[in-house]
Amino acid sequence: MLKNKSVAVGNTRVLNEFVKYCQSVGYKKQQEKQHNMMLINSVICVTLSCNLMQVARSLDADSGLI
């Protein structure tokens, strides 16, 4: 009887560790996704600002200000 109880306790401990591991992996993946989104957003922002600068330059060139 005691032997079965200790096996059950051992199994729950293993299960708890496994759940913790899965949660940590899920958390890391979530962090990677957020990091990738931040990188993508910064690239989009840089691209947009470069395009805006080109548009501004072409407008200024057309109006003869530069």
C-alpha atoms as a PDB file:
ATOM      1  CA  MET A   1       0.000   0.000   0.000  1.00  0.00           C
ATOM      2  CA  LEU A   2       2.748   2.449   0.957  1.00  0.00           C
ATOM      3  CA  LYS A   3       4.726   1.500  -2.123  1.00  0.00           C
ATOM      4  CA  ASN A   4       1.826   2.422  -4.397  1.00  0.00           C
ATOM      5  CA  LYS A   5       1.416   5.736  -2.586  1.00  0.00           C
ATOM      6  CA  SER A   6       5.078   6.666  -3.084  1.00  0.00           C
ATOM      7  CA  VAL A   7       4.835   5.753  -6.767  1.00  0.00           C
ATOM      8  CA  ALA A   8       1.774   7.982  -7.087  1.00  0.00           C
ATOM      9  CA  VAL A   9       3.600  10.837  -5.341  1.00  0.00           C
ATOM     10  CA  GLY A  10       6.604  10.296  -7.635  1.00  0.00           C
ATOM     11  CA  ASN A  11       4.338  10.359 -10.680  1.00  0.00           C
ATOM     12  CA  THR A  12       2.640  13.587  -9.625  1.00  0.00           C
ATOM     13  CA  ARG A  13       6.049  15.159  -9.033  1.00  0.00           C
ATOM     14  CA  VAL A  14       7.161  14.129 -12.527  1.00  0.00           C
ATOM     15  CA  LEU A  15       3.874  15.386 -13.924  1.00  0.00           C
ATOM     16  CA  ASN A  16       4.280  18.732 -12.137  1.00  0.00           C
ATOM     17  CA  GLU A  17       7.819  19.099 -13.501  1.00  0.00           C
ATOM     18  CA  PHE A  18       6.558  18.257 -16.979  1.00  0.00           C
ATOM     19  CA  VAL A  19       3.788  20.868 -16.697  1.00  0.00           C
ATOM     20  CA  LYS A  20       6.335  23.466 -15.519  1.00  0.00           C
ATOM     21  CA  TYR A  21       8.587  22.568 -18.449  1.00  0.00           C
ATOM     22  CA  CYS A  22       5.722  22.887 -20.938  1.00  0.00           C
ATOM     23  CA  GLN A  23       4.712  26.229 -19.454  1.00  0.00           C
ATOM     24  CA  SER A  24       8.282  27.526 -19.643  1.00  0.00           C
ATOM     25  CA  VAL A  25       8.603  26.390 -23.271  1.00  0.00           C
ATOM     26  CA  GLY A  26       5.267  28.029 -24.059  1.00  0.00           C
ATOM     27  CA  TYR A  27       6.428  31.196 -22.310  1.00  0.00           C
ATOM     28  CA  LYS A  28       9.706  31.243 -24.258  1.00  0.00           C
ATOM     29  CA  LYS A  29       7.831  30.773 -27.535  1.00  0.00           C
ATOM     30  CA  GLN A  30       5.491  33.619 -26.571  1.00  0.00           C
ATOM     31  CA  GLN A  31       8.497  35.836 -25.818  1.00  0.00           C
ATOM     32  CA  GLU A  32      10.081  34.925 -29.168  1.00  0.00           C
ATOM     33  CA  LYS A  33       6.836  35.793 -30.954  1.00  0.00           C
ATOM     34  CA  GLN A  34       6.685  39.151 -29.189  1.00  0.00           C
ATOM     35  CA  HIS A  35      10.342  39.812 -30.005  1.00  0.00           C
ATOM     36  CA  ASN A  36       9.782  38.906 -33.664  1.00  0.00           C
ATOM     37  CA  MET A  37       6.728  41.176 -33.796  1.00  0.00           C
ATOM     38  CA  MET A  38       8.787  44.015 -32.307  1.00  0.00           C
ATOM     39  CA  LEU A  39      11.484  43.458 -34.939  1.00  0.00           C
ATOM     40  CA  ILE A  40       8.906  43.353 -37.734  1.00  0.00           C
ATOM     41  CA  ASN A  41       7.221  46.501 -36.405  1.00  0.00           C
ATOM     42  CA  SER A  42      10.524  48.367 -36.200  1.00  0.00           C
ATOM     43  CA  VAL A  43      11.410  47.333 -39.767  1.00  0.00           C
ATOM     44  CA  ILE A  44       7.983  48.520 -40.956  1.00  0.00           C
ATOM     45  CA  CYS A  45       8.447  51.830 -39.116  1.00  0.00           C
ATOM     46  CA  VAL A  46      11.897  52.377 -40.627  1.00  0.00           C
ATOM     47  CA  THR A  47      10.605  51.499 -44.103  1.00  0.00           C
ATOM     48  CA  LEU A  48       7.643  53.846 -43.739  1.00  0.00           C
ATOM     49  CA  SER A  49       9.785  56.696 -42.445  1.00  0.00           C
ATOM     50  CA  CYS A  50      12.250  56.221 -45.335  1.00  0.00           C
ATOM     51  CA  ASN A  51       9.348  56.295 -47.791  1.00  0.00           C
ATOM     52  CA  LEU A  52       7.958  59.422 -46.132  1.00  0.00           C
ATOM     53  CA  MET A  53      11.369  61.095 -46.375  1.00  0.00           C
ATOM     54  CA  GLN A  54      11.548  60.252 -50.092  1.00  0.00           C
ATOM     55  CA  VAL A  55       8.035  61.609 -50.637  1.00  0.00           C
ATOM     56  CA  ALA A  56       8.910  64.762 -48.702  1.00  0.00           C
ATOM     57  CA  ARG A  57      12.097  65.228 -50.733  1.00  0.00           C
ATOM     58  CA  SER A  58      10.273  64.749 -54.020  1.00  0.00           C
ATOM     59  CA  LEU A  59       7.560  67.211 -52.953  1.00  0.00           C
ATOM     60  CA  ASP A  60      10.189  69.742 -51.893  1.00  0.00           C
ATOM     61  CA  ALA A  61      12.068  69.205 -55.150  1.00  0.00           C
ATOM     62  CA  ASP A  62       8.848  69.728 -57.118  1.00  0.00           C
ATOM     63  CA  SER A  63       8.021  72.908 -55.241  1.00  0.00           C
ATOM     64  CA  GLY A  64      11.581  74.186 -55.655  1.00  0.00           C
ATOM     65  CA  LEU A  65      12.283  74.563 -51.938  1.00  0.00           C
ATOM     66  CA  ILE A  66      15.416  72.392 -52.065  1.00  0.00           C
END
